[in-house]
Every structure is written in C-alpha cells, then in structure tokens.
C-alpha cells in the first residue's frame, strides 16, 4: 500500500504542476487570458488523487499517517472551487482578469495550506 500511496502522491504533484504551470503560462500571455486544458486536467487530477490519498491515509493502518481532517476539508473545498471555476470557464475564449488571478491564487494558496498547516 505504501507504493500505491507514493504513486498517487506523485500524480497529485503532477496535477499541481499542470494547474499552476498552465496558469503561469497564461499569466504571462498578455491581456487575453483563458482557462487552458492543462489547468482543467491538473485540477481534476488533484481532486481525484487528493481524495484517494486522504482515503488511503485514513483507512489503511499500515501507512501510519496522521490525518488532519480540518486541513483536508479546507483543501477539498478550495480544490472544488477551483475545479468548478475551471470547468465552467473552460470553453470561454477569455476570462476576466480578476477571475483568472483568483484561480491561481487559490491554487497557490492550497499549496501554502499543505506546506504550512501542521
């Protein structure tokens, strides 16, 4: 089970890289910003792998992981908001700058919560 947990963790990081990387590419693109497929696939990958990671950590005794349910809950809510906003705006040719900045700040904020919430 430890190998499965670590494989899911790697996929979770790949999703994060895709989401934030896709956002950074659009951030430097100029005035015409849109939600690209890297962002959509990245946030969906993070959502699925995050739920699986939390479930494995909570349910499998041999992993010996301490699960902070409040932290997981906050991260889940933020990820659901980002996923919903990305999904709804995925076909728009442009999105407002404020919404676009919000997407990136929420994604980076989720990383900050993961690292600093102990």
PDB file of N, CA and C in Angstrom:
ATOM      1  N   UNK A   1       0.805  -1.197   0.000  1.00  0.00           N
ATOM      2  CA  UNK A   1       0.000   0.000   0.000  1.00  0.00           C
ATOM      3  C   UNK A   1       0.851   1.266   0.000  1.00  0.00           C
ATOM      4  N   UNK A   2       2.031   1.174   0.561  1.00  0.00           N
ATOM      5  CA  UNK A   2       2.908   2.342   0.593  1.00  0.00           C
ATOM      6  C   UNK A   2       3.300   2.769  -0.820  1.00  0.00           C
ATOM      7  N   UNK A   3       3.533   1.800  -1.691  1.00  0.00           N
ATOM      8  CA  UNK A   3       3.894   2.121  -3.081  1.00  0.00           C
ATOM      9  C   UNK A   3       2.724   2.798  -3.798  1.00  0.00           C
ATOM     10  N   UNK A   4       1.512   2.336  -3.539  1.00  0.00           N
ATOM     11  CA  UNK A   4       0.332   2.958  -4.132  1.00  0.00           C
ATOM     12  C   UNK A   4       0.171   4.391  -3.638  1.00  0.00           C
ATOM     13  N   UNK A   5       0.361   4.597  -2.344  1.00  0.00           N
ATOM     14  CA  UNK A   5       0.261   5.931  -1.763  1.00  0.00           C
ATOM     15  C   UNK A   5       1.283   6.877  -2.414  1.00  0.00           C
ATOM     16  N   UNK A   6       2.510   6.408  -2.558  1.00  0.00           N
ATOM     17  CA  UNK A   6       3.555   7.244  -3.150  1.00  0.00           C
ATOM     18  C   UNK A   6       3.289   7.524  -4.626  1.00  0.00           C
ATOM     19  N   UNK A   7       2.756   6.544  -5.350  1.00  0.00           N
ATOM     20  CA  UNK A   7       2.409   6.757  -6.759  1.00  0.00           C
ATOM     21  C   UNK A   7       1.297   7.795  -6.883  1.00  0.00           C
ATOM     22  N   UNK A   8       0.303   7.723  -6.008  1.00  0.00           N
ATOM     23  CA  UNK A   8      -0.767   8.725  -6.018  1.00  0.00           C
ATOM     24  C   UNK A   8      -0.235  10.102  -5.658  1.00  0.00           C
ATOM     25  N   UNK A   9       0.717  10.150  -4.735  1.00  0.00           N
ATOM     26  CA  UNK A   9       1.319  11.422  -4.348  1.00  0.00           C
ATOM     27  C   UNK A   9       2.066  12.054  -5.528  1.00  0.00           C
ATOM     28  N   UNK A  10       2.774  11.238  -6.290  1.00  0.00           N
ATOM     29  CA  UNK A  10       3.465  11.740  -7.486  1.00  0.00           C
ATOM     30  C   UNK A  10       2.442  12.295  -8.485  1.00  0.00           C
ATOM     31  N   UNK A  11       1.349  11.570  -8.712  1.00  0.00           N
ATOM     32  CA  UNK A  11       0.309  12.052  -9.624  1.00  0.00           C
ATOM     33  C   UNK A  11      -0.327  13.343  -9.098  1.00  0.00           C
ATOM     34  N   UNK A  12      -0.457  13.443  -7.786  1.00  0.00           N
ATOM     35  CA  UNK A  12      -1.001  14.657  -7.183  1.00  0.00           C
ATOM     36  C   UNK A  12      -0.085  15.851  -7.480  1.00  0.00           C
ATOM     37  N   UNK A  13       1.216  15.637  -7.375  1.00  0.00           N
ATOM     38  CA  UNK A  13       2.181  16.701  -7.679  1.00  0.00           C
ATOM     39  C   UNK A  13       2.175  17.040  -9.171  1.00  0.00           C
ATOM     40  N   UNK A  14       1.993  16.057 -10.027  1.00  0.00           N
ATOM     41  CA  UNK A  14       1.905  16.317 -11.469  1.00  0.00           C
ATOM     42  C   UNK A  14       0.674  17.169 -11.767  1.00  0.00           C
ATOM     43  N   UNK A  15      -0.434  16.869 -11.106  1.00  0.00           N
ATOM     44  CA  UNK A  15      -1.640  17.683 -11.262  1.00  0.00           C
ATOM     45  C   UNK A  15      -1.415  19.112 -10.815  1.00  0.00           C
ATOM     46  N   UNK A  16      -0.714  19.274  -9.698  1.00  0.00           N
ATOM     47  CA  UNK A  16      -0.407  20.615  -9.204  1.00  0.00           C
ATOM     48  C   UNK A  16       0.467  21.361 -10.210  1.00  0.00           C
ATOM     49  N   UNK A  17       1.475  20.684 -10.744  1.00  0.00           N
ATOM     50  CA  UNK A  17       2.360  21.310 -11.723  1.00  0.00           C
ATOM     51  C   UNK A  17       1.587  21.714 -12.975  1.00  0.00           C
ATOM     52  N   UNK A  18       0.665  20.883 -13.398  1.00  0.00           N
ATOM     53  CA  UNK A  18      -0.135  21.185 -14.580  1.00  0.00           C
ATOM     54  C   UNK A  18      -1.043  22.390 -14.333  1.00  0.00           C
ATOM     55  N   UNK A  19      -1.700  22.417 -13.196  1.00  0.00           N
ATOM     56  CA  UNK A  19      -2.606  23.523 -12.880  1.00  0.00           C
ATOM     57  C   UNK A  19      -1.855  24.838 -12.752  1.00  0.00           C
ATOM     58  N   UNK A  20      -0.832  24.872 -11.923  1.00  0.00           N
ATOM     59  CA  UNK A  20      -0.114  26.129 -11.696  1.00  0.00           C
ATOM     60  C   UNK A  20       0.739  26.497 -12.910  1.00  0.00           C
ATOM     61  N   UNK A  21       1.311  25.510 -13.588  1.00  0.00           N
ATOM     62  CA  UNK A  21       2.081  25.785 -14.797  1.00  0.00           C
ATOM     63  C   UNK A  21       1.214  26.354 -15.909  1.00  0.00           C
ATOM     64  N   UNK A  22       0.030  25.774 -16.101  1.00  0.00           N
ATOM     65  CA  UNK A  22      -0.902  26.304 -17.102  1.00  0.00           C
ATOM     66  C   UNK A  22      -1.348  27.712 -16.770  1.00  0.00           C
ATOM     67  N   UNK A  23      -1.514  27.981 -15.487  1.00  0.00           N
ATOM     68  CA  UNK A  23      -1.893  29.321 -15.046  1.00  0.00           C
ATOM     69  C   UNK A  23      -0.754  30.311 -15.290  1.00  0.00           C
ATOM     70  N   UNK A  24       0.478  29.914 -14.967  1.00  0.00           N
ATOM     71  CA  UNK A  24       1.620  30.806 -15.162  1.00  0.00           C
ATOM     72  C   UNK A  24       1.851  31.121 -16.635  1.00  0.00           C
ATOM     73  N   UNK A  25       1.655  30.144 -17.505  1.00  0.00           N
ATOM     74  CA  UNK A  25       1.808  30.382 -18.942  1.00  0.00           C
ATOM     75  C   UNK A  25       0.802  31.433 -19.404  1.00  0.00           C
ATOM     76  N   UNK A  26      -0.436  31.315 -18.946  1.00  0.00           N
ATOM     77  CA  UNK A  26      -1.459  32.285 -19.335  1.00  0.00           C
ATOM     78  C   UNK A  26      -1.235  33.639 -18.672  1.00  0.00           C
ATOM     79  N   UNK A  27      -0.657  33.630 -17.476  1.00  0.00           N
ATOM     80  CA  UNK A  27      -0.398  34.876 -16.765  1.00  0.00           C
ATOM     81  C   UNK A  27       0.555  35.769 -17.554  1.00  0.00           C
ATOM     82  N   UNK A  28       1.519  35.170 -18.211  1.00  0.00           N
ATOM     83  CA  UNK A  28       2.491  35.937 -18.989  1.00  0.00           C
ATOM     84  C   UNK A  28       2.076  36.121 -20.447  1.00  0.00           C
ATOM     85  N   UNK A  29       0.897  35.643 -20.805  1.00  0.00           N
ATOM     86  CA  UNK A  29       0.469  35.693 -22.206  1.00  0.00           C
ATOM     87  C   UNK A  29       0.001  37.075 -22.645  1.00  0.00           C
ATOM     88  N   UNK A  30      -0.271  37.959 -21.730  1.00  0.00           N
ATOM     89  CA  UNK A  30      -0.758  39.283 -22.107  1.00  0.00           C
ATOM     90  C   UNK A  30      -2.153  39.515 -21.578  1.00  0.00           C
ATOM     91  N   UNK A  31      -2.974  40.201 -22.370  1.00  0.00           N
ATOM     92  CA  UNK A  31      -4.304  40.570 -21.897  1.00  0.00           C
ATOM     93  C   UNK A  31      -5.355  39.493 -22.128  1.00  0.00           C
ATOM     94  N   UNK A  32      -5.190  38.661 -23.116  1.00  0.00           N
ATOM     95  CA  UNK A  32      -6.177  37.627 -23.439  1.00  0.00           C
ATOM     96  C   UNK A  32      -5.871  36.358 -22.653  1.00  0.00           C
ATOM     97  N   UNK A  33      -6.537  36.175 -21.526  1.00  0.00           N
ATOM     98  CA  UNK A  33      -6.297  35.002 -20.684  1.00  0.00           C
ATOM     99  C   UNK A  33      -7.502  34.080 -20.746  1.00  0.00           C
ATOM    100  N   UNK A  34      -7.224  32.777 -20.706  1.00  0.00           N
ATOM    101  CA  UNK A  34      -8.293  31.779 -20.732  1.00  0.00           C
ATOM    102  C   UNK A  34      -7.865  30.578 -19.901  1.00  0.00           C
ATOM    103  N   UNK A  35      -8.834  29.758 -19.580  1.00  0.00           N
ATOM    104  CA  UNK A  35      -8.559  28.531 -18.831  1.00  0.00           C
ATOM    105  C   UNK A  35      -8.157  27.472 -19.847  1.00  0.00           C
ATOM    106  N   UNK A  36      -6.884  27.068 -19.804  1.00  0.00           N
ATOM    107  CA  UNK A  36      -6.420  26.080 -20.780  1.00  0.00           C
ATOM    108  C   UNK A  36      -6.623  24.655 -20.256  1.00  0.00           C
ATOM    109  N   UNK A  37      -6.444  23.687 -21.136  1.00  0.00           N
ATOM    110  CA  UNK A  37      -6.682  22.287 -20.763  1.00  0.00           C
ATOM    111  C   UNK A  37      -5.726  21.792 -19.698  1.00  0.00           C
ATOM    112  N   UNK A  38      -4.516  22.338 -19.652  1.00  0.00           N
ATOM    113  CA  UNK A  38      -3.576  21.936 -18.608  1.00  0.00           C
ATOM    114  C   UNK A  38      -4.138  22.272 -17.236  1.00  0.00           C
ATOM    115  N   UNK A  39      -4.783  23.406 -17.124  1.00  0.00           N
ATOM    116  CA  UNK A  39      -5.376  23.803 -15.844  1.00  0.00           C
ATOM    117  C   UNK A  39      -6.546  22.891 -15.481  1.00  0.00           C
ATOM    118  N   UNK A  40      -7.413  22.612 -16.443  1.00  0.00           N
ATOM    119  CA  UNK A  40      -8.581  21.765 -16.180  1.00  0.00           C
ATOM    120  C   UNK A  40      -8.140  20.357 -15.791  1.00  0.00           C
ATOM    121  N   UNK A  41      -7.265  19.764 -16.577  1.00  0.00           N
ATOM    122  CA  UNK A  41      -6.812  18.403 -16.274  1.00  0.00           C
ATOM    123  C   UNK A  41      -6.006  18.359 -14.978  1.00  0.00           C
ATOM    124  N   UNK A  42      -5.231  19.407 -14.717  1.00  0.00           N
ATOM    125  CA  UNK A  42      -4.446  19.453 -13.496  1.00  0.00           C
ATOM    126  C   UNK A  42      -5.313  19.480 -12.253  1.00  0.00           C
ATOM    127  N   UNK A  43      -6.349  20.333 -12.254  1.00  0.00           N
ATOM    128  CA  UNK A  43      -7.198  20.428 -11.069  1.00  0.00           C
ATOM    129  C   UNK A  43      -8.037  19.164 -10.895  1.00  0.00           C
ATOM    130  N   UNK A  44      -8.468  18.550 -11.981  1.00  0.00           N
ATOM    131  CA  UNK A  44      -9.218  17.295 -11.856  1.00  0.00           C
ATOM    132  C   UNK A  44      -8.322  16.171 -11.340  1.00  0.00           C
ATOM    133  N   UNK A  45      -7.076  16.149 -11.797  1.00  0.00           N
ATOM    134  CA  UNK A  45      -6.122  15.158 -11.294  1.00  0.00           C
ATOM    135  C   UNK A  45      -5.872  15.374  -9.812  1.00  0.00           C
ATOM    136  N   UNK A  46      -5.717  16.618  -9.409  1.00  0.00           N
ATOM    137  CA  UNK A  46      -5.504  16.904  -7.993  1.00  0.00           C
ATOM    138  C   UNK A  46      -6.707  16.510  -7.157  1.00  0.00           C
ATOM    139  N   UNK A  47      -7.892  16.756  -7.657  1.00  0.00           N
ATOM    140  CA  UNK A  47      -9.104  16.420  -6.915  1.00  0.00           C
ATOM    141  C   UNK A  47      -9.215  14.914  -6.689  1.00  0.00           C
ATOM    142  N   UNK A  48      -9.054  14.151  -7.747  1.00  0.00           N
ATOM    143  CA  UNK A  48      -9.198  12.697  -7.640  1.00  0.00           C
ATOM    144  C   UNK A  48      -8.081  12.097  -6.778  1.00  0.00           C
ATOM    145  N   UNK A  49      -6.846  12.473  -7.054  1.00  0.00           N
ATOM    146  CA  UNK A  49      -5.743  11.894  -6.284  1.00  0.00           C
ATOM    147  C   UNK A  49      -5.765  12.361  -4.832  1.00  0.00           C
ATOM    148  N   UNK A  50      -6.192  13.595  -4.587  1.00  0.00           N
ATOM    149  CA  UNK A  50      -6.285  14.083  -3.210  1.00  0.00           C
ATOM    150  C   UNK A  50      -7.290  13.310  -2.388  1.00  0.00           C
ATOM    151  N   UNK A  51      -8.445  13.037  -2.974  1.00  0.00           N
ATOM    152  CA  UNK A  51      -9.460  12.243  -2.271  1.00  0.00           C
ATOM    153  C   UNK A  51      -8.938  10.831  -2.009  1.00  0.00           C
ATOM    154  N   UNK A  52      -8.292  10.247  -2.996  1.00  0.00           N
ATOM    155  CA  UNK A  52      -7.737   8.897  -2.818  1.00  0.00           C
ATOM    156  C   UNK A  52      -6.625   8.878  -1.768  1.00  0.00           C
ATOM    157  N   UNK A  53      -5.774   9.888  -1.766  1.00  0.00           N
ATOM    158  CA  UNK A  53      -4.710   9.968  -0.769  1.00  0.00           C
ATOM    159  C   UNK A  53      -5.277  10.086   0.642  1.00  0.00           C
ATOM    160  N   UNK A  54      -6.285  10.944   0.805  1.00  0.00           N
ATOM    161  CA  UNK A  54      -6.897  11.109   2.122  1.00  0.00           C
ATOM    162  C   UNK A  54      -7.583   9.819   2.560  1.00  0.00           C
ATOM    163  N   UNK A  55      -8.243   9.156   1.636  1.00  0.00           N
ATOM    164  CA  UNK A  55      -8.907   7.892   1.969  1.00  0.00           C
ATOM    165  C   UNK A  55      -7.921   6.810   2.358  1.00  0.00           C
ATOM    166  N   UNK A  56      -6.829   6.709   1.623  1.00  0.00           N
ATOM    167  CA  UNK A  56      -5.804   5.713   1.966  1.00  0.00           C
ATOM    168  C   UNK A  56      -5.158   6.028   3.304  1.00  0.00           C
ATOM    169  N   UNK A  57      -4.836   7.287   3.533  1.00  0.00           N
ATOM    170  CA  UNK A  57      -4.186   7.670   4.787  1.00  0.00           C
ATOM    171  C   UNK A  57      -5.094   7.405   5.981  1.00  0.00           C
ATOM    172  N   UNK A  58      -6.378   7.616   5.800  1.00  0.00           N
ATOM    173  CA  UNK A  58      -7.338   7.407   6.889  1.00  0.00           C
ATOM    174  C   UNK A  58      -7.658   5.929   7.093  1.00  0.00           C
ATOM    175  N   UNK A  59      -7.740   5.187   6.000  1.00  0.00           N
ATOM    176  CA  UNK A  59      -8.267   3.832   6.091  1.00  0.00           C
ATOM    177  C   UNK A  59      -7.265   2.709   6.229  1.00  0.00           C
ATOM    178  N   UNK A  60      -6.028   2.938   5.868  1.00  0.00           N
ATOM    179  CA  UNK A  60      -5.045   1.853   5.868  1.00  0.00           C
ATOM    180  C   UNK A  60      -4.106   2.032   7.062  1.00  0.00           C
ATOM    181  N   UNK A  61      -4.186   1.108   7.992  1.00  0.00           N
ATOM    182  CA  UNK A  61      -3.384   1.186   9.216  1.00  0.00           C
ATOM    183  C   UNK A  61      -1.884   1.116   8.945  1.00  0.00           C
ATOM    184  N   UNK A  62      -1.485   0.326   7.965  1.00  0.00           N
ATOM    185  CA  UNK A  62      -0.054   0.106   7.723  1.00  0.00           C
ATOM    186  C   UNK A  62       0.663   1.360   7.221  1.00  0.00           C
ATOM    187  N   UNK A  63      -0.085   2.339   6.706  1.00  0.00           N
ATOM    188  CA  UNK A  63       0.555   3.563   6.227  1.00  0.00           C
ATOM    189  C   UNK A  63       1.000   4.450   7.381  1.00  0.00           C
ATOM    190  N   UNK A  64       0.347   4.319   8.530  1.00  0.00           N
ATOM    191  CA  UNK A  64       0.712   5.059   9.733  1.00  0.00           C
ATOM    192  C   UNK A  64       0.799   6.565   9.468  1.00  0.00           C
ATOM    193  N   UNK A  65      -0.256   7.109   8.874  1.00  0.00           N
ATOM    194  CA  UNK A  65      -0.310   8.541   8.557  1.00  0.00           C
ATOM    195  C   UNK A  65      -1.306   9.225   9.487  1.00  0.00           C
ATOM    196  N   UNK A  66      -0.941  10.375  10.010  1.00  0.00           N
ATOM    197  CA  UNK A  66      -1.860  11.188  10.793  1.00  0.00           C
ATOM    198  C   UNK A  66      -2.643  12.071   9.840  1.00  0.00           C
ATOM    199  N   UNK A  67      -3.957  12.014   9.924  1.00  0.00           N
ATOM    200  CA  UNK A  67      -4.810  12.775   9.019  1.00  0.00           C
ATOM    201  C   UNK A  67      -5.442  13.929   9.793  1.00  0.00           C
ATOM    202  N   UNK A  68      -5.143  15.143   9.368  1.00  0.00           N
ATOM    203  CA  UNK A  68      -5.776  16.329   9.931  1.00  0.00           C
ATOM    204  C   UNK A  68      -7.016  16.609   9.081  1.00  0.00           C
ATOM    205  N   UNK A  69      -8.169  16.230   9.615  1.00  0.00           N
ATOM    206  CA  UNK A  69      -9.405  16.318   8.828  1.00  0.00           C
ATOM    207  C   UNK A  69      -9.791  17.755   8.498  1.00  0.00           C
ATOM    208  N   UNK A  70      -9.477  18.684   9.373  1.00  0.00           N
ATOM    209  CA  UNK A  70      -9.787  20.089   9.093  1.00  0.00           C
ATOM    210  C   UNK A  70      -8.962  20.581   7.901  1.00  0.00           C
ATOM    211  N   UNK A  71      -7.683  20.237   7.893  1.00  0.00           N
ATOM    212  CA  UNK A  71      -6.802  20.630   6.787  1.00  0.00           C
ATOM    213  C   UNK A  71      -7.287  20.013   5.476  1.00  0.00           C
ATOM    214  N   UNK A  72      -7.621  18.730   5.509  1.00  0.00           N
ATOM    215  CA  UNK A  72      -8.114  18.047   4.308  1.00  0.00           C
ATOM    216  C   UNK A  72      -9.422  18.676   3.842  1.00  0.00           C
ATOM    217  N   UNK A  73     -10.283  19.048   4.787  1.00  0.00           N
ATOM    218  CA  UNK A  73     -11.546  19.683   4.428  1.00  0.00           C
ATOM    219  C   UNK A  73     -11.349  21.025   3.749  1.00  0.00           C
ATOM    220  N   UNK A  74     -10.447  21.840   4.282  1.00  0.00           N
ATOM    221  CA  UNK A  74     -10.162  23.140   3.674  1.00  0.00           C
ATOM    222  C   UNK A  74      -9.596  22.953   2.275  1.00  0.00           C
ATOM    223  N   UNK A  75      -8.635  22.041   2.141  1.00  0.00           N
ATOM    224  CA  UNK A  75      -8.031  21.793   0.829  1.00  0.00           C
ATOM    225  C   UNK A  75      -9.061  21.267  -0.170  1.00  0.00           C
ATOM    226  N   UNK A  76      -9.978  20.418   0.291  1.00  0.00           N
ATOM    227  CA  UNK A  76     -11.013  19.879  -0.588  1.00  0.00           C
ATOM    228  C   UNK A  76     -11.951  20.983  -1.071  1.00  0.00           C
ATOM    229  N   UNK A  77     -12.373  21.860  -0.170  1.00  0.00           N
ATOM    230  CA  UNK A  77     -13.273  22.951  -0.555  1.00  0.00           C
ATOM    231  C   UNK A  77     -12.596  23.883  -1.555  1.00  0.00           C
ATOM    232  N   UNK A  78     -11.359  24.244  -1.307  1.00  0.00           N
ATOM    233  CA  UNK A  78     -10.635  25.132  -2.230  1.00  0.00           C
ATOM    234  C   UNK A  78     -10.471  24.453  -3.590  1.00  0.00           C
ATOM    235  N   UNK A  79     -10.112  23.175  -3.587  1.00  0.00           N
ATOM    236  CA  UNK A  79      -9.942  22.450  -4.851  1.00  0.00           C
ATOM    237  C   UNK A  79     -11.258  22.339  -5.606  1.00  0.00           C
ATOM    238  N   UNK A  80     -12.352  22.111  -4.900  1.00  0.00           N
ATOM    239  CA  UNK A  80     -13.660  22.051  -5.560  1.00  0.00           C
ATOM    240  C   UNK A  80     -14.029  23.391  -6.182  1.00  0.00           C
ATOM    241  N   UNK A  81     -13.714  24.476  -5.503  1.00  0.00           N
ATOM    242  CA  UNK A  81     -13.988  25.809  -6.060  1.00  0.00           C
ATOM    243  C   UNK A  81     -13.166  26.031  -7.325  1.00  0.00           C
ATOM    244  N   UNK A  82     -11.878  25.716  -7.276  1.00  0.00           N
ATOM    245  CA  UNK A  82     -11.016  25.886  -8.456  1.00  0.00           C
ATOM    246  C   UNK A  82     -11.495  24.986  -9.589  1.00  0.00           C
ATOM    247  N   UNK A  83     -11.841  23.736  -9.269  1.00  0.00           N
ATOM    248  CA  UNK A  83     -12.311  22.808 -10.297  1.00  0.00           C
ATOM    249  C   UNK A  83     -13.597  23.311 -10.945  1.00  0.00           C
ATOM    250  N   UNK A  84     -14.514  23.800 -10.138  1.00  0.00           N
ATOM    251  CA  UNK A  84     -15.778  24.311 -10.669  1.00  0.00           C
ATOM    252  C   UNK A  84     -15.542  25.528 -11.564  1.00  0.00           C
ATOM    253  N   UNK A  85     -14.709  26.456 -11.102  1.00  0.00           N
ATOM    254  CA  UNK A  85     -14.431  27.645 -11.904  1.00  0.00           C
ATOM    255  C   UNK A  85     -13.705  27.299 -13.212  1.00  0.00           C
ATOM    256  N   UNK A  86     -12.775  26.369 -13.145  1.00  0.00           N
ATOM    257  CA  UNK A  86     -12.075  25.940 -14.370  1.00  0.00           C
ATOM    258  C   UNK A  86     -13.037  25.241 -15.318  1.00  0.00           C
ATOM    259  N   UNK A  87     -13.877  24.374 -14.777  1.00  0.00           N
ATOM    260  CA  UNK A  87     -14.794  23.600 -15.622  1.00  0.00           C
ATOM    261  C   UNK A  87     -15.803  24.521 -16.311  1.00  0.00           C
ATOM    262  N   UNK A  88     -16.368  25.451 -15.574  1.00  0.00           N
ATOM    263  CA  UNK A  88     -17.380  26.349 -16.130  1.00  0.00           C
ATOM    264  C   UNK A  88     -16.782  27.267 -17.202  1.00  0.00           C
ATOM    265  N   UNK A  89     -15.546  27.676 -17.018  1.00  0.00           N
ATOM    266  CA  UNK A  89     -14.924  28.644 -17.933  1.00  0.00           C
ATOM    267  C   UNK A  89     -13.992  28.005 -18.953  1.00  0.00           C
ATOM    268  N   UNK A  90     -13.981  26.696 -19.070  1.00  0.00           N
ATOM    269  CA  UNK A  90     -13.012  26.021 -19.942  1.00  0.00           C
ATOM    270  C   UNK A  90     -13.225  26.304 -21.425  1.00  0.00           C
ATOM    271  N   UNK A  91     -14.421  26.652 -21.834  1.00  0.00           N
ATOM    272  CA  UNK A  91     -14.698  26.880 -23.259  1.00  0.00           C
ATOM    273  C   UNK A  91     -14.764  28.357 -23.626  1.00  0.00           C
ATOM    274  N   UNK A  92     -14.611  29.224 -22.667  1.00  0.00           N
ATOM    275  CA  UNK A  92     -14.622  30.662 -22.963  1.00  0.00           C
ATOM    276  C   UNK A  92     -13.327  31.061 -23.653  1.00  0.00           C
ATOM    277  N   UNK A  93     -13.450  31.986 -24.567  1.00  0.00           N
ATOM    278  CA  UNK A  93     -12.260  32.467 -25.271  1.00  0.00           C
ATOM    279  C   UNK A  93     -11.393  33.325 -24.360  1.00  0.00           C
ATOM    280  N   UNK A  94     -12.019  34.060 -23.460  1.00  0.00           N
ATOM    281  CA  UNK A  94     -11.280  34.852 -22.468  1.00  0.00           C
ATOM    282  C   UNK A  94     -12.045  34.810 -21.146  1.00  0.00           C
ATOM    283  N   UNK A  95     -11.323  34.999 -20.068  1.00  0.00           N
ATOM    284  CA  UNK A  95     -11.949  35.134 -18.752  1.00  0.00           C
ATOM    285  C   UNK A  95     -11.485  36.461 -18.154  1.00  0.00           C
ATOM    286  N   UNK A  96     -12.291  37.043 -17.278  1.00  0.00           N
ATOM    287  CA  UNK A  96     -11.878  38.308 -16.651  1.00  0.00           C
ATOM    288  C   UNK A  96     -10.580  38.132 -15.861  1.00  0.00           C
ATOM    289  N   UNK A  97      -9.795  39.188 -15.826  1.00  0.00           N
ATOM    290  CA  UNK A  97      -8.509  39.124 -15.129  1.00  0.00           C
ATOM    291  C   UNK A  97      -8.663  38.781 -13.656  1.00  0.00           C
ATOM    292  N   UNK A  98      -9.685  39.318 -13.007  1.00  0.00           N
ATOM    293  CA  UNK A  98      -9.902  39.036 -11.594  1.00  0.00           C
ATOM    294  C   UNK A  98     -10.165  37.560 -11.340  1.00  0.00           C
ATOM    295  N   UNK A  99     -11.000  36.956 -12.174  1.00  0.00           N
ATOM    296  CA  UNK A  99     -11.281  35.525 -12.041  1.00  0.00           C
ATOM    297  C   UNK A  99     -10.030  34.707 -12.310  1.00  0.00           C
ATOM    298  N   UNK A 100      -9.285  35.116 -13.296  1.00  0.00           N
ATOM    299  CA  UNK A 100      -8.068  34.373 -13.625  1.00  0.00           C
ATOM    300  C   UNK A 100      -7.060  34.446 -12.485  1.00  0.00           C
ATOM    301  N   UNK A 101      -6.876  35.621 -11.920  1.00  0.00           N
ATOM    302  CA  UNK A 101      -5.964  35.767 -10.787  1.00  0.00           C
ATOM    303  C   UNK A 101      -6.458  34.971  -9.581  1.00  0.00           C
ATOM    304  N   UNK A 102      -7.777  34.957  -9.365  1.00  0.00           N
ATOM    305  CA  UNK A 102      -8.350  34.183  -8.264  1.00  0.00           C
ATOM    306  C   UNK A 102      -8.029  32.701  -8.402  1.00  0.00           C
ATOM    307  N   UNK A 103      -8.137  32.171  -9.612  1.00  0.00           N
ATOM    308  CA  UNK A 103      -7.825  30.755  -9.835  1.00  0.00           C
ATOM    309  C   UNK A 103      -6.393  30.432  -9.412  1.00  0.00           C
ATOM    310  N   UNK A 104      -5.464  31.233  -9.842  1.00  0.00           N
ATOM    311  CA  UNK A 104      -4.066  30.983  -9.499  1.00  0.00           C
ATOM    312  C   UNK A 104      -3.769  31.172  -8.027  1.00  0.00           C
ATOM    313  N   UNK A 105      -4.346  32.214  -7.438  1.00  0.00           N
ATOM    314  CA  UNK A 105      -4.100  32.463  -6.019  1.00  0.00           C
ATOM    315  C   UNK A 105      -4.709  31.370  -5.146  1.00  0.00           C
ATOM    316  N   UNK A 106      -5.869  30.857  -5.522  1.00  0.00           N
ATOM    317  CA  UNK A 106      -6.453  29.741  -4.777  1.00  0.00           C
ATOM    318  C   UNK A 106      -5.597  28.480  -4.911  1.00  0.00           C
ATOM    319  N   UNK A 107      -5.089  28.220  -6.108  1.00  0.00           N
ATOM    320  CA  UNK A 107      -4.242  27.040  -6.321  1.00  0.00           C
ATOM    321  C   UNK A 107      -2.954  27.155  -5.511  1.00  0.00           C
ATOM    322  N   UNK A 108      -2.328  28.314  -5.543  1.00  0.00           N
ATOM    323  CA  UNK A 108      -1.102  28.515  -4.771  1.00  0.00           C
ATOM    324  C   UNK A 108      -1.415  28.514  -3.272  1.00  0.00           C
ATOM    325  N   UNK A 109      -2.563  29.069  -2.908  1.00  0.00           N
ATOM    326  CA  UNK A 109      -2.984  29.043  -1.515  1.00  0.00           C
ATOM    327  C   UNK A 109      -3.155  27.627  -0.993  1.00  0.00           C
ATOM    328  N   UNK A 110      -3.634  26.738  -1.848  1.00  0.00           N
ATOM    329  CA  UNK A 110      -3.773  25.329  -1.462  1.00  0.00           C
ATOM    330  C   UNK A 110      -2.411  24.701  -1.186  1.00  0.00           C
ATOM    331  N   UNK A 111      -1.420  25.079  -1.945  1.00  0.00           N
ATOM    332  CA  UNK A 111      -0.056  24.590  -1.694  1.00  0.00           C
ATOM    333  C   UNK A 111       0.451  25.134  -0.357  1.00  0.00           C
ATOM    334  N   UNK A 112       0.174  26.388  -0.097  1.00  0.00           N
ATOM    335  CA  UNK A 112       0.599  27.003   1.169  1.00  0.00           C
ATOM    336  C   UNK A 112      -0.059  26.294   2.348  1.00  0.00           C
ATOM    337  N   UNK A 113      -1.353  25.990   2.233  1.00  0.00           N
ATOM    338  CA  UNK A 113      -2.046  25.256   3.288  1.00  0.00           C
ATOM    339  C   UNK A 113      -1.396  23.883   3.496  1.00  0.00           C
ATOM    340  N   UNK A 114      -1.086  23.202   2.400  1.00  0.00           N
ATOM    341  CA  UNK A 114      -0.480  21.875   2.502  1.00  0.00           C
ATOM    342  C   UNK A 114       0.873  21.917   3.203  1.00  0.00           C
ATOM    343  N   UNK A 115       1.645  22.954   2.956  1.00  0.00           N
ATOM    344  CA  UNK A 115       3.004  23.014   3.498  1.00  0.00           C
ATOM    345  C   UNK A 115       3.028  23.551   4.930  1.00  0.00           C
ATOM    346  N   UNK A 116       2.267  24.602   5.196  1.00  0.00           N
ATOM    347  CA  UNK A 116       2.411  25.304   6.457  1.00  0.00           C
ATOM    348  C   UNK A 116       1.422  24.892   7.537  1.00  0.00           C
ATOM    349  N   UNK A 117       0.306  24.255   7.188  1.00  0.00           N
ATOM    350  CA  UNK A 117      -0.659  23.831   8.196  1.00  0.00           C
ATOM    351  C   UNK A 117      -0.145  22.555   8.838  1.00  0.00           C
ATOM    352  N   UNK A 118       0.209  22.651  10.107  1.00  0.00           N
ATOM    353  CA  UNK A 118       0.733  21.468  10.803  1.00  0.00           C
ATOM    354  C   UNK A 118      -0.144  21.057  11.945  1.00  0.00           C
TER     355      UNK A 118
END
